[in-house]
Amino acid sequence: DKVVSFVGMHFDVVPADPGSWEFDPFTLERDGDQLKGRGTTGCLGNVAILANFMAALAEAKPALQRSVVAVFVSNGEQASQPGVGLDMLLDRGVLDPVKNGPLYWMDGADLQPCVGTSAVASWTLEIEGKKFHSGFANNAINPIELAMDSLKSIQTFFYDTFKPLPDEEAYGFKCTSTMKPTQWSYPEGSSVNVIPQTATVSGDVRVTPFHDIEAVQEALTKFVGELDVPALAGGHGTASKYELPQDNLKGKLKLVWGGSTGAGFAADLKGTAVTVMTEAVAQEMGAARLFSLTGSLPHVGKLRKAGYDVCGMGFGRMEYFHANNEQARVSDFAHGWKILCSTVTACDSK
């Protein structure tokens, strides 16, 4: 049977520290048009509107040619706990029946069609030098300086190789693919006057769905493995070197990959899911603006790869997505209700 489905509204929410909020995150509060509290945007607001929408359909019993399906999930935030969310439904084939029609991933925001996300892979660069008293820097290999110089070369290679692609503009990506550090560390207990033996830099790679994340990882691993470490020296004074011939020693680099989200997702811009939602949004809001994010939605990537006609949507506020003082607008959910009605009506006529 033909269907139109709304999938991904999840019951779990992100943690909240009451001390960093301006109001109680654990109490739903309405202040005029504002709904305040944890989950109002991600994703309990979407849970509530879809639950009420399905109840309204059941009561009204409209004569539809398509089945309308809603799939609520228990695990939308804790990707580290597999087997209890959408991954389980995919593995067991529970979602196979909704493949025959547009699927709307309802974990978005801002009342606009989300048509793309990125793939993400975390990495750690392990750097080994030579420990020595900082008063004799010429006898040391400074792993922190080596980290700075090597990372600059690695990032230059990444941005020269994995450049912005034409499709990114069509999909509304505001940020292109990136490779950057987010954490630095060195051995605990080191004195400020001692150059440490090791250091690590960690971060992530985010690539738009038009790049192959596995190919990116392979290219970066190869590049790091072939780096001429001694040649990276420079810019930190004449005492700073990454090779000590008298000790038969060179600085060492190793790139280690952590978890990956797999492929990003790029919707079919001419498919039913995107075209219908775009028309419904334009009808209600006056204009529709396709957008994409370099955040990750790994489950959506799996759905798209499996051949589902997917488009993202949601009615909260992106500026409060996973943020302190989370809130949404009652008026946005009112717009969302009309968008849902128009979407089901339009899909039913196709």
C-alpha atoms as a PDB file:
ATOM      1  CA  ASP A   1       0.000   0.000   0.000  1.00  0.00           C
ATOM      2  CA  LYS A   2       1.051   3.585  -0.591  1.00  0.00           C
ATOM      3  CA  VAL A   3       2.018   5.479   2.546  1.00  0.00           C
ATOM      4  CA  VAL A   4       3.229   8.806   3.841  1.00  0.00           C
ATOM      5  CA  SER A   5       5.228   8.463   7.033  1.00  0.00           C
ATOM      6  CA  PHE A   6       6.502  10.711   9.807  1.00  0.00           C
ATOM      7  CA  VAL A   7       9.483   9.140  11.536  1.00  0.00           C
ATOM      8  CA  GLY A   8      12.054   9.958  14.192  1.00  0.00           C
ATOM      9  CA  MET A   9      10.099  11.862  16.843  1.00  0.00           C
ATOM     10  CA  HIS A  10      12.010  10.721  19.936  1.00  0.00           C
ATOM     11  CA  PHE A  11      11.041  10.633  23.586  1.00  0.00           C
ATOM     12  CA  ASP A  12      14.514  11.060  25.073  1.00  0.00           C
ATOM     13  CA  VAL A  13      16.127  14.473  25.520  1.00  0.00           C
ATOM     14  CA  VAL A  14      19.623  15.856  26.095  1.00  0.00           C
ATOM     15  CA  PRO A  15      20.906  16.451  29.649  1.00  0.00           C
ATOM     16  CA  ALA A  16      20.286  19.809  31.295  1.00  0.00           C
ATOM     17  CA  ASP A  17      22.110  21.600  34.113  1.00  0.00           C
ATOM     18  CA  PRO A  18      19.527  23.721  35.989  1.00  0.00           C
ATOM     19  CA  GLY A  19      22.295  26.017  37.232  1.00  0.00           C
ATOM     20  CA  SER A  20      23.082  27.183  33.709  1.00  0.00           C
ATOM     21  CA  TRP A  21      19.460  27.834  32.675  1.00  0.00           C
ATOM     22  CA  GLU A  22      17.434  30.983  33.229  1.00  0.00           C
ATOM     23  CA  PHE A  23      14.379  28.866  34.115  1.00  0.00           C
ATOM     24  CA  ASP A  24      13.668  25.346  35.360  1.00  0.00           C
ATOM     25  CA  PRO A  25      14.466  22.971  32.458  1.00  0.00           C
ATOM     26  CA  PHE A  26      12.349  20.205  33.990  1.00  0.00           C
ATOM     27  CA  THR A  27       9.084  22.142  34.161  1.00  0.00           C
ATOM     28  CA  LEU A  28       7.096  22.997  31.041  1.00  0.00           C
ATOM     29  CA  GLU A  29       6.233  26.688  31.138  1.00  0.00           C
ATOM     30  CA  ARG A  30       4.154  28.762  28.761  1.00  0.00           C
ATOM     31  CA  ASP A  31       5.002  32.442  28.546  1.00  0.00           C
ATOM     32  CA  GLY A  32       2.762  34.008  25.914  1.00  0.00           C
ATOM     33  CA  ASP A  33       3.810  32.451  22.617  1.00  0.00           C
ATOM     34  CA  GLN A  34       6.832  30.747  24.174  1.00  0.00           C
ATOM     35  CA  LEU A  35       6.935  27.160  25.392  1.00  0.00           C
ATOM     36  CA  LYS A  36       9.932  26.787  27.702  1.00  0.00           C
ATOM     37  CA  GLY A  37      11.569  23.627  28.973  1.00  0.00           C
ATOM     38  CA  ARG A  38      13.841  20.757  28.056  1.00  0.00           C
ATOM     39  CA  GLY A  39      12.670  18.959  24.915  1.00  0.00           C
ATOM     40  CA  THR A  40      10.340  21.653  23.586  1.00  0.00           C
ATOM     41  CA  THR A  41      12.485  21.856  20.440  1.00  0.00           C
ATOM     42  CA  GLY A  42      14.360  18.548  20.582  1.00  0.00           C
ATOM     43  CA  CYS A  43      12.182  16.647  20.279  1.00  0.00           C
ATOM     44  CA  LEU A  44       9.107  16.512  22.540  1.00  0.00           C
ATOM     45  CA  GLY A  45       7.384  19.346  20.701  1.00  0.00           C
ATOM     46  CA  ASN A  46       7.420  17.268  17.535  1.00  0.00           C
ATOM     47  CA  VAL A  47       6.319  14.218  19.540  1.00  0.00           C
ATOM     48  CA  ALA A  48       3.312  16.137  20.869  1.00  0.00           C
ATOM     49  CA  ILE A  49       2.162  17.586  17.553  1.00  0.00           C
ATOM     50  CA  LEU A  50       2.453  14.249  15.716  1.00  0.00           C
ATOM     51  CA  ALA A  51       0.621  12.404  18.504  1.00  0.00           C
ATOM     52  CA  ASN A  52      -2.221  14.931  18.329  1.00  0.00           C
ATOM     53  CA  PHE A  53      -2.179  14.888  14.527  1.00  0.00           C
ATOM     54  CA  MET A  54      -2.573  11.094  14.418  1.00  0.00           C
ATOM     55  CA  ALA A  55      -5.363  11.271  17.002  1.00  0.00           C
ATOM     56  CA  ALA A  56      -7.162  13.890  14.905  1.00  0.00           C
ATOM     57  CA  LEU A  57      -6.904  11.678  11.805  1.00  0.00           C
ATOM     58  CA  ALA A  58      -8.310   8.728  13.751  1.00  0.00           C
ATOM     59  CA  GLU A  59     -11.274  10.791  14.890  1.00  0.00           C
ATOM     60  CA  ALA A  60     -11.978  12.471  11.547  1.00  0.00           C
ATOM     61  CA  LYS A  61     -11.462   9.323   9.453  1.00  0.00           C
ATOM     62  CA  PRO A  62     -10.752  11.174   6.180  1.00  0.00           C
ATOM     63  CA  ALA A  63     -11.056   9.101   2.991  1.00  0.00           C
ATOM     64  CA  LEU A  64      -7.359   8.774   2.147  1.00  0.00           C
ATOM     65  CA  GLN A  65      -5.711   6.752  -0.603  1.00  0.00           C
ATOM     66  CA  ARG A  66      -2.493   6.483   1.397  1.00  0.00           C
ATOM     67  CA  SER A  67      -1.896   5.146   4.873  1.00  0.00           C
ATOM     68  CA  VAL A  68      -0.463   7.716   7.265  1.00  0.00           C
ATOM     69  CA  VAL A  69       2.188   6.223   9.542  1.00  0.00           C
ATOM     70  CA  ALA A  70       3.935   7.770  12.553  1.00  0.00           C
ATOM     71  CA  VAL A  71       7.017   6.120  14.053  1.00  0.00           C
ATOM     72  CA  PHE A  72       8.029   7.379  17.479  1.00  0.00           C
ATOM     73  CA  VAL A  73      11.393   6.203  18.809  1.00  0.00           C
ATOM     74  CA  SER A  74      12.773   5.872  22.319  1.00  0.00           C
ATOM     75  CA  ASN A  75      16.401   6.632  21.511  1.00  0.00           C
ATOM     76  CA  GLY A  76      17.211   9.665  19.428  1.00  0.00           C
ATOM     77  CA  GLU A  77      20.071  11.197  21.417  1.00  0.00           C
ATOM     78  CA  GLN A  78      22.105   8.271  22.751  1.00  0.00           C
ATOM     79  CA  ALA A  79      23.773   6.852  19.642  1.00  0.00           C
ATOM     80  CA  SER A  80      26.189   5.031  21.974  1.00  0.00           C
ATOM     81  CA  GLN A  81      23.319   2.774  23.062  1.00  0.00           C
ATOM     82  CA  PRO A  82      22.442   0.768  19.936  1.00  0.00           C
ATOM     83  CA  GLY A  83      19.557  -1.620  19.527  1.00  0.00           C
ATOM     84  CA  VAL A  84      16.785   0.430  21.141  1.00  0.00           C
ATOM     85  CA  GLY A  85      16.022   3.066  18.523  1.00  0.00           C
ATOM     86  CA  LEU A  86      15.720   3.428  14.793  1.00  0.00           C
ATOM     87  CA  ASP A  87      18.715   1.161  14.168  1.00  0.00           C
ATOM     88  CA  MET A  88      16.749  -1.715  15.687  1.00  0.00           C
ATOM     89  CA  LEU A  89      13.694  -0.930  13.543  1.00  0.00           C
ATOM     90  CA  LEU A  90      15.850  -0.898  10.410  1.00  0.00           C
ATOM     91  CA  ASP A  91      17.639  -4.110  11.317  1.00  0.00           C
ATOM     92  CA  ARG A  92      14.337  -5.929  11.911  1.00  0.00           C
ATOM     93  CA  GLY A  93      12.676  -4.597   8.779  1.00  0.00           C
ATOM     94  CA  VAL A  94       9.954  -2.805  10.736  1.00  0.00           C
ATOM     95  CA  LEU A  95      10.226   0.205   8.427  1.00  0.00           C
ATOM     96  CA  ASP A  96      10.034  -1.763   5.180  1.00  0.00           C
ATOM     97  CA  PRO A  97       6.309  -0.981   4.714  1.00  0.00           C
ATOM     98  CA  VAL A  98       6.894   2.797   4.709  1.00  0.00           C
ATOM     99  CA  LYS A  99       9.369   2.597   1.827  1.00  0.00           C
ATOM    100  CA  ASN A 100       6.469   2.948  -0.613  1.00  0.00           C
ATOM    101  CA  GLY A 101       6.051   6.672  -0.143  1.00  0.00           C
ATOM    102  CA  PRO A 102       7.663   9.853   1.189  1.00  0.00           C
ATOM    103  CA  LEU A 103       9.234   9.664   4.637  1.00  0.00           C
ATOM    104  CA  TYR A 104       9.537  12.803   6.763  1.00  0.00           C
ATOM    105  CA  TRP A 105      12.216  12.749   9.432  1.00  0.00           C
ATOM    106  CA  MET A 106      10.630  14.811  12.204  1.00  0.00           C
ATOM    107  CA  ASP A 107      13.638  15.795  14.277  1.00  0.00           C
ATOM    108  CA  GLY A 108      14.371  19.128  12.645  1.00  0.00           C
ATOM    109  CA  ALA A 109      13.429  22.720  13.361  1.00  0.00           C
ATOM    110  CA  ASP A 110      12.596  26.138  11.912  1.00  0.00           C
ATOM    111  CA  LEU A 111       9.642  25.053   9.749  1.00  0.00           C
ATOM    112  CA  GLN A 112      11.808  24.546   6.654  1.00  0.00           C
ATOM    113  CA  PRO A 113      12.749  21.410   4.681  1.00  0.00           C
ATOM    114  CA  CYS A 114      16.101  19.914   5.726  1.00  0.00           C
ATOM    115  CA  VAL A 115      17.572  18.157   2.689  1.00  0.00           C
ATOM    116  CA  GLY A 116      21.107  17.233   3.732  1.00  0.00           C
ATOM    117  CA  THR A 117      23.495  16.458   6.567  1.00  0.00           C
ATOM    118  CA  SER A 118      27.147  15.488   6.867  1.00  0.00           C
ATOM    119  CA  ALA A 119      29.070  12.366   7.714  1.00  0.00           C
ATOM    120  CA  VAL A 120      31.260  12.675  10.808  1.00  0.00           C
ATOM    121  CA  ALA A 121      34.357  10.814  11.959  1.00  0.00           C
ATOM    122  CA  SER A 122      36.323  11.578  15.122  1.00  0.00           C
ATOM    123  CA  TRP A 123      40.116  11.417  15.149  1.00  0.00           C
ATOM    124  CA  THR A 124      43.076  11.632  17.482  1.00  0.00           C
ATOM    125  CA  LEU A 125      46.572  12.633  16.438  1.00  0.00           C
ATOM    126  CA  GLU A 126      49.133  11.012  18.744  1.00  0.00           C
ATOM    127  CA  ILE A 127      52.464  12.862  18.884  1.00  0.00           C
ATOM    128  CA  GLU A 128      55.661  11.533  20.433  1.00  0.00           C
ATOM    129  CA  GLY A 129      58.743  13.685  20.999  1.00  0.00           C
ATOM    130  CA  LYS A 130      61.545  13.623  23.540  1.00  0.00           C
ATOM    131  CA  LYS A 131      61.105  14.764  27.121  1.00  0.00           C
ATOM    132  CA  PHE A 132      63.691  17.208  28.462  1.00  0.00           C
ATOM    133  CA  HIS A 133      64.084  20.223  30.711  1.00  0.00           C
ATOM    134  CA  SER A 134      62.804  23.320  28.944  1.00  0.00           C
ATOM    135  CA  GLY A 135      66.057  25.111  29.673  1.00  0.00           C
ATOM    136  CA  PHE A 136      67.712  22.775  27.187  1.00  0.00           C
ATOM    137  CA  ALA A 137      65.143  22.848  24.409  1.00  0.00           C
ATOM    138  CA  ASN A 138      67.813  21.921  21.878  1.00  0.00           C
ATOM    139  CA  ASN A 139      67.956  18.471  23.489  1.00  0.00           C
ATOM    140  CA  ALA A 140      64.194  17.909  23.248  1.00  0.00           C
ATOM    141  CA  ILE A 141      61.588  17.224  20.604  1.00  0.00           C
ATOM    142  CA  ASN A 142      58.607  19.300  21.633  1.00  0.00           C
ATOM    143  CA  PRO A 143      55.435  17.299  20.863  1.00  0.00           C
ATOM    144  CA  ILE A 144      53.203  20.339  21.360  1.00  0.00           C
ATOM    145  CA  GLU A 145      55.053  22.336  18.713  1.00  0.00           C
ATOM    146  CA  LEU A 146      55.090  19.271  16.467  1.00  0.00           C
ATOM    147  CA  ALA A 147      51.336  18.985  16.962  1.00  0.00           C
ATOM    148  CA  MET A 148      50.839  22.584  15.799  1.00  0.00           C
ATOM    149  CA  ASP A 149      53.045  22.234  12.725  1.00  0.00           C
ATOM    150  CA  SER A 150      51.773  18.826  11.663  1.00  0.00           C
ATOM    151  CA  LEU A 151      48.143  19.792  12.123  1.00  0.00           C
ATOM    152  CA  LYS A 152      48.629  22.830   9.904  1.00  0.00           C
ATOM    153  CA  SER A 153      49.988  20.577   7.139  1.00  0.00           C
ATOM    154  CA  ILE A 154      47.199  18.040   7.620  1.00  0.00           C
ATOM    155  CA  GLN A 155      44.483  20.683   7.469  1.00  0.00           C
ATOM    156  CA  THR A 156      46.049  22.286   4.396  1.00  0.00           C
ATOM    157  CA  PHE A 157      46.019  18.895   2.673  1.00  0.00           C
ATOM    158  CA  PHE A 158      42.399  18.314   3.670  1.00  0.00           C
ATOM    159  CA  TYR A 159      41.110  21.661   2.414  1.00  0.00           C
ATOM    160  CA  ASP A 160      43.120  21.410  -0.814  1.00  0.00           C
ATOM    161  CA  THR A 161      41.800  17.900  -1.492  1.00  0.00           C
ATOM    162  CA  PHE A 162      38.196  17.962  -0.280  1.00  0.00           C
ATOM    163  CA  LYS A 163      36.992  21.289  -1.594  1.00  0.00           C
ATOM    164  CA  PRO A 164      33.436  22.654  -1.679  1.00  0.00           C
ATOM    165  CA  LEU A 165      31.368  21.042  -4.428  1.00  0.00           C
ATOM    166  CA  PRO A 166      28.672  22.653  -6.629  1.00  0.00           C
ATOM    167  CA  ASP A 167      25.835  20.585  -5.123  1.00  0.00           C
ATOM    168  CA  GLU A 168      26.462  22.112  -1.702  1.00  0.00           C
ATOM    169  CA  GLU A 169      24.993  25.436  -2.809  1.00  0.00           C
ATOM    170  CA  ALA A 170      21.897  23.789  -4.295  1.00  0.00           C
ATOM    171  CA  TYR A 171      21.326  21.939  -1.025  1.00  0.00           C
ATOM    172  CA  GLY A 172      21.759  25.054   1.090  1.00  0.00           C
ATOM    173  CA  PHE A 173      24.865  24.060   3.039  1.00  0.00           C
ATOM    174  CA  LYS A 174      26.083  27.152   4.889  1.00  0.00           C
ATOM    175  CA  CYS A 175      29.193  25.337   6.099  1.00  0.00           C
ATOM    176  CA  THR A 176      31.336  23.145   3.861  1.00  0.00           C
ATOM    177  CA  SER A 177      33.419  20.104   4.839  1.00  0.00           C
ATOM    178  CA  THR A 178      35.766  20.660   7.776  1.00  0.00           C
ATOM    179  CA  MET A 179      38.664  18.973   9.562  1.00  0.00           C
ATOM    180  CA  LYS A 180      39.585  20.690  12.829  1.00  0.00           C
ATOM    181  CA  PRO A 181      40.870  20.115  16.381  1.00  0.00           C
ATOM    182  CA  THR A 182      38.543  20.381  19.354  1.00  0.00           C
ATOM    183  CA  GLN A 183      40.720  19.008  22.187  1.00  0.00           C
ATOM    184  CA  TRP A 184      44.423  19.149  23.156  1.00  0.00           C
ATOM    185  CA  SER A 185      46.063  17.161  25.943  1.00  0.00           C
ATOM    186  CA  TYR A 186      49.453  16.289  27.430  1.00  0.00           C
ATOM    187  CA  PRO A 187      50.577  14.037  30.316  1.00  0.00           C
ATOM    188  CA  GLU A 188      49.136  15.082  33.667  1.00  0.00           C
ATOM    189  CA  GLY A 189      51.612  16.135  36.310  1.00  0.00           C
ATOM    190  CA  SER A 190      54.095  17.661  33.870  1.00  0.00           C
ATOM    191  CA  SER A 191      55.948  20.654  35.233  1.00  0.00           C
ATOM    192  CA  VAL A 192      55.756  23.907  33.316  1.00  0.00           C
ATOM    193  CA  ASN A 193      59.536  23.795  32.872  1.00  0.00           C
ATOM    194  CA  VAL A 194      59.561  20.328  31.320  1.00  0.00           C
ATOM    195  CA  ILE A 195      58.934  19.640  27.646  1.00  0.00           C
ATOM    196  CA  PRO A 196      56.672  16.555  27.717  1.00  0.00           C
ATOM    197  CA  GLN A 197      57.271  13.270  25.936  1.00  0.00           C
ATOM    198  CA  THR A 198      53.861  13.059  24.305  1.00  0.00           C
ATOM    199  CA  ALA A 199      50.818  15.096  23.373  1.00  0.00           C
ATOM    200  CA  THR A 200      47.530  14.377  21.666  1.00  0.00           C
ATOM    201  CA  VAL A 201      45.168  16.444  19.589  1.00  0.00           C
ATOM    202  CA  SER A 202      41.611  15.274  18.939  1.00  0.00           C
ATOM    203  CA  GLY A 203      38.835  16.557  16.734  1.00  0.00           C
ATOM    204  CA  ASP A 204      36.494  15.571  13.971  1.00  0.00           C
ATOM    205  CA  VAL A 205      36.082  15.478  10.230  1.00  0.00           C
ATOM    206  CA  ARG A 206      32.709  16.512   8.829  1.00  0.00           C
ATOM    207  CA  VAL A 207      32.108  16.084   5.128  1.00  0.00           C
ATOM    208  CA  THR A 208      29.051  16.893   3.051  1.00  0.00           C
ATOM    209  CA  PRO A 209      27.263  13.858   1.582  1.00  0.00           C
ATOM    210  CA  PHE A 210      28.938  14.421  -1.787  1.00  0.00           C
ATOM    211  CA  HIS A 211      32.256  13.206  -0.348  1.00  0.00           C
ATOM    212  CA  ASP A 212      32.935   9.587   0.694  1.00  0.00           C
ATOM    213  CA  ILE A 213      33.858   9.641   4.391  1.00  0.00           C
ATOM    214  CA  GLU A 214      35.822   6.390   4.137  1.00  0.00           C
ATOM    215  CA  ALA A 215      37.880   7.751   1.233  1.00  0.00           C
ATOM    216  CA  VAL A 216      38.569  10.882   3.282  1.00  0.00           C
ATOM    217  CA  GLN A 217      39.775   8.816   6.223  1.00  0.00           C
ATOM    218  CA  GLU A 218      42.030   6.697   4.000  1.00  0.00           C
ATOM    219  CA  ALA A 219      43.545   9.776   2.353  1.00  0.00           C
ATOM    220  CA  LEU A 220      44.275  11.491   5.668  1.00  0.00           C
ATOM    221  CA  THR A 221      45.784   8.342   7.182  1.00  0.00           C
ATOM    222  CA  LYS A 222      48.067   7.951   4.177  1.00  0.00           C
ATOM    223  CA  PHE A 223      49.075  11.619   4.243  1.00  0.00           C
ATOM    224  CA  VAL A 224      50.018  11.527   7.935  1.00  0.00           C
ATOM    225  CA  GLY A 225      51.932   8.290   7.463  1.00  0.00           C
ATOM    226  CA  GLU A 226      54.012   9.831   4.679  1.00  0.00           C
ATOM    227  CA  LEU A 227      54.715  13.198   6.345  1.00  0.00           C
ATOM    228  CA  ASP A 228      58.389  14.179   6.487  1.00  0.00           C
ATOM    229  CA  VAL A 229      58.380  15.049  10.184  1.00  0.00           C
ATOM    230  CA  PRO A 230      61.825  16.731  10.432  1.00  0.00           C
ATOM    231  CA  ALA A 231      60.912  19.028   7.526  1.00  0.00           C
ATOM    232  CA  LEU A 232      57.958  20.414   9.508  1.00  0.00           C
ATOM    233  CA  ALA A 233      60.261  22.286  11.897  1.00  0.00           C
ATOM    234  CA  GLY A 234      60.339  26.051  11.665  1.00  0.00           C
ATOM    235  CA  GLY A 235      58.717  29.050  13.275  1.00  0.00           C
ATOM    236  CA  HIS A 236      59.491  28.096  16.882  1.00  0.00           C
ATOM    237  CA  GLY A 237      63.113  29.273  17.114  1.00  0.00           C
ATOM    238  CA  THR A 238      66.378  27.640  16.127  1.00  0.00           C
ATOM    239  CA  ALA A 239      66.349  25.304  19.134  1.00  0.00           C
ATOM    240  CA  SER A 240      63.111  23.634  18.038  1.00  0.00           C
ATOM    241  CA  LYS A 241      63.781  20.536  15.945  1.00  0.00           C
ATOM    242  CA  TYR A 242      61.885  17.345  15.214  1.00  0.00           C
ATOM    243  CA  GLU A 243      64.982  15.228  14.668  1.00  0.00           C
ATOM    244  CA  LEU A 244      67.962  14.653  16.992  1.00  0.00           C
ATOM    245  CA  PRO A 245      70.701  12.918  14.965  1.00  0.00           C
ATOM    246  CA  GLN A 246      72.883  12.463  18.057  1.00  0.00           C
ATOM    247  CA  ASP A 247      70.095  10.395  19.602  1.00  0.00           C
ATOM    248  CA  ASN A 248      69.041   8.766  16.326  1.00  0.00           C
ATOM    249  CA  LEU A 249      65.558  10.057  17.134  1.00  0.00           C
ATOM    250  CA  LYS A 250      62.720  11.628  15.182  1.00  0.00           C
ATOM    251  CA  GLY A 251      59.320  12.864  16.271  1.00  0.00           C
ATOM    252  CA  LYS A 252      56.487  10.466  15.578  1.00  0.00           C
ATOM    253  CA  LEU A 253      52.904  10.998  14.403  1.00  0.00           C
ATOM    254  CA  LYS A 254      50.006   8.555  14.389  1.00  0.00           C
ATOM    255  CA  LEU A 255      46.434   9.302  13.278  1.00  0.00           C
ATOM    256  CA  VAL A 256      43.852   7.150  15.061  1.00  0.00           C
ATOM    257  CA  TRP A 257      40.203   7.112  14.029  1.00  0.00           C
ATOM    258  CA  GLY A 258      37.329   6.919  16.483  1.00  0.00           C
ATOM    259  CA  GLY A 259      33.663   6.461  15.748  1.00  0.00           C
ATOM    260  CA  SER A 260      32.030   7.375  12.459  1.00  0.00           C
ATOM    261  CA  THR A 261      28.401   8.148  11.655  1.00  0.00           C
ATOM    262  CA  GLY A 262      28.675   6.582   8.204  1.00  0.00           C
ATOM    263  CA  ALA A 263      27.316   8.406   5.194  1.00  0.00           C
ATOM    264  CA  GLY A 264      25.672  11.791   5.327  1.00  0.00           C
ATOM    265  CA  PHE A 265      22.308  12.200   3.668  1.00  0.00           C
ATOM    266  CA  ALA A 266      21.299  14.105   0.555  1.00  0.00           C
ATOM    267  CA  ALA A 267      17.586  14.118  -0.243  1.00  0.00           C
ATOM    268  CA  ASP A 268      16.243  13.672  -3.745  1.00  0.00           C
ATOM    269  CA  LEU A 269      15.394  17.298  -4.527  1.00  0.00           C
ATOM    270  CA  LYS A 270      12.944  16.184  -7.225  1.00  0.00           C
ATOM    271  CA  GLY A 271      11.399  13.426  -5.133  1.00  0.00           C
ATOM    272  CA  THR A 272       7.916  13.505  -3.642  1.00  0.00           C
ATOM    273  CA  ALA A 273       9.109  14.090  -0.080  1.00  0.00           C
ATOM    274  CA  VAL A 274      10.977  17.313  -0.860  1.00  0.00           C
ATOM    275  CA  THR A 275       8.646  18.742  -3.504  1.00  0.00           C
ATOM    276  CA  VAL A 276       5.492  18.208  -1.458  1.00  0.00           C
ATOM    277  CA  MET A 277       7.003  19.582   1.740  1.00  0.00           C
ATOM    278  CA  THR A 278       8.425  22.585  -0.112  1.00  0.00           C
ATOM    279  CA  GLU A 279       4.992  23.403  -1.534  1.00  0.00           C
ATOM    280  CA  ALA A 280       3.304  22.938   1.855  1.00  0.00           C
ATOM    281  CA  VAL A 281       5.799  25.229   3.601  1.00  0.00           C
ATOM    282  CA  ALA A 282       5.567  27.888   0.893  1.00  0.00           C
ATOM    283  CA  GLN A 283       1.776  27.805   1.090  1.00  0.00           C
ATOM    284  CA  GLU A 284       1.780  28.292   4.864  1.00  0.00           C
ATOM    285  CA  MET A 285       4.853  30.473   5.410  1.00  0.00           C
ATOM    286  CA  GLY A 286       4.905  32.454   2.169  1.00  0.00           C
ATOM    287  CA  ALA A 287       8.234  30.986   1.046  1.00  0.00           C
ATOM    288  CA  ALA A 288      10.256  27.799   1.436  1.00  0.00           C
ATOM    289  CA  ARG A 289      14.017  27.648   1.889  1.00  0.00           C
ATOM    290  CA  LEU A 290      15.825  24.343   1.529  1.00  0.00           C
ATOM    291  CA  PHE A 291      18.686  24.007   3.988  1.00  0.00           C
ATOM    292  CA  SER A 292      21.333  21.488   4.982  1.00  0.00           C
ATOM    293  CA  LEU A 293      23.531  21.082   8.047  1.00  0.00           C
ATOM    294  CA  THR A 294      26.982  19.748   8.754  1.00  0.00           C
ATOM    295  CA  GLY A 295      25.503  18.151  11.832  1.00  0.00           C
ATOM    296  CA  SER A 296      24.906  14.432  11.523  1.00  0.00           C
ATOM    297  CA  LEU A 297      21.765  12.316  11.353  1.00  0.00           C
ATOM    298  CA  PRO A 298      23.236   8.827  10.908  1.00  0.00           C
ATOM    299  CA  HIS A 299      19.867   7.069  10.876  1.00  0.00           C
ATOM    300  CA  VAL A 300      18.632   9.304   8.053  1.00  0.00           C
ATOM    301  CA  GLY A 301      21.780   8.493   6.116  1.00  0.00           C
ATOM    302  CA  LYS A 302      20.969   4.789   6.481  1.00  0.00           C
ATOM    303  CA  LEU A 303      17.390   5.360   5.324  1.00  0.00           C
ATOM    304  CA  ARG A 304      18.494   7.331   2.274  1.00  0.00           C
ATOM    305  CA  LYS A 305      21.138   4.749   1.403  1.00  0.00           C
ATOM    306  CA  ALA A 306      18.457   2.057   1.618  1.00  0.00           C
ATOM    307  CA  GLY A 307      16.370   3.902  -0.979  1.00  0.00           C
ATOM    308  CA  TYR A 308      13.826   5.770   1.141  1.00  0.00           C
ATOM    309  CA  ASP A 309      12.508   9.092  -0.169  1.00  0.00           C
ATOM    310  CA  VAL A 310      13.476  11.249   2.838  1.00  0.00           C
ATOM    311  CA  CYS A 311      13.090  14.887   3.812  1.00  0.00           C
ATOM    312  CA  GLY A 312      13.716  16.439   7.225  1.00  0.00           C
ATOM    313  CA  MET A 313      11.264  18.730   9.007  1.00  0.00           C
ATOM    314  CA  GLY A 314      10.517  20.051  12.477  1.00  0.00           C
ATOM    315  CA  PHE A 315       8.721  22.886  14.222  1.00  0.00           C
ATOM    316  CA  GLY A 316      11.009  23.900  17.085  1.00  0.00           C
ATOM    317  CA  ARG A 317      13.684  26.617  16.964  1.00  0.00           C
ATOM    318  CA  MET A 318      17.136  25.708  15.681  1.00  0.00           C
ATOM    319  CA  GLU A 319      18.834  28.352  17.842  1.00  0.00           C
ATOM    320  CA  TYR A 320      17.744  26.386  20.927  1.00  0.00           C
ATOM    321  CA  PHE A 321      18.528  22.919  19.557  1.00  0.00           C
ATOM    322  CA  HIS A 322      20.548  21.091  22.260  1.00  0.00           C
ATOM    323  CA  ALA A 323      21.064  24.438  23.984  1.00  0.00           C
ATOM    324  CA  ASN A 324      20.460  26.000  27.376  1.00  0.00           C
ATOM    325  CA  ASN A 325      17.112  27.777  27.851  1.00  0.00           C
ATOM    326  CA  GLU A 326      15.478  25.508  25.277  1.00  0.00           C
ATOM    327  CA  GLN A 327      12.165  26.813  23.995  1.00  0.00           C
ATOM    328  CA  ALA A 328       9.771  26.834  21.061  1.00  0.00           C
ATOM    329  CA  ARG A 329       6.829  28.904  19.848  1.00  0.00           C
ATOM    330  CA  VAL A 330       3.183  27.888  20.073  1.00  0.00           C
ATOM    331  CA  SER A 331       2.583  29.783  16.814  1.00  0.00           C
ATOM    332  CA  ASP A 332       5.243  27.670  15.057  1.00  0.00           C
ATOM    333  CA  PHE A 333       3.455  24.490  16.042  1.00  0.00           C
ATOM    334  CA  ALA A 334       0.225  26.025  14.738  1.00  0.00           C
ATOM    335  CA  HIS A 335       1.969  26.589  11.408  1.00  0.00           C
ATOM    336  CA  GLY A 336       3.327  23.063  11.649  1.00  0.00           C
ATOM    337  CA  TRP A 337      -0.159  21.614  12.049  1.00  0.00           C
ATOM    338  CA  LYS A 338      -1.270  23.236   8.805  1.00  0.00           C
ATOM    339  CA  ILE A 339       1.911  22.086   7.046  1.00  0.00           C
ATOM    340  CA  LEU A 340       1.202  18.510   8.152  1.00  0.00           C
ATOM    341  CA  CYS A 341      -2.370  18.747   6.844  1.00  0.00           C
ATOM    342  CA  SER A 342      -1.218  20.122   3.482  1.00  0.00           C
ATOM    343  CA  THR A 343       1.535  17.509   3.221  1.00  0.00           C
ATOM    344  CA  VAL A 344      -0.805  14.557   3.782  1.00  0.00           C
ATOM    345  CA  THR A 345      -3.394  16.020   1.402  1.00  0.00           C
ATOM    346  CA  ALA A 346      -0.831  16.622  -1.364  1.00  0.00           C
ATOM    347  CA  CYS A 347       0.808  13.208  -0.961  1.00  0.00           C
ATOM    348  CA  ASP A 348      -2.593  11.563  -1.068  1.00  0.00           C
ATOM    349  CA  SER A 349      -3.357  13.117  -4.447  1.00  0.00           C
ATOM    350  CA  LYS A 350      -0.159  11.762  -6.057  1.00  0.00           C
END
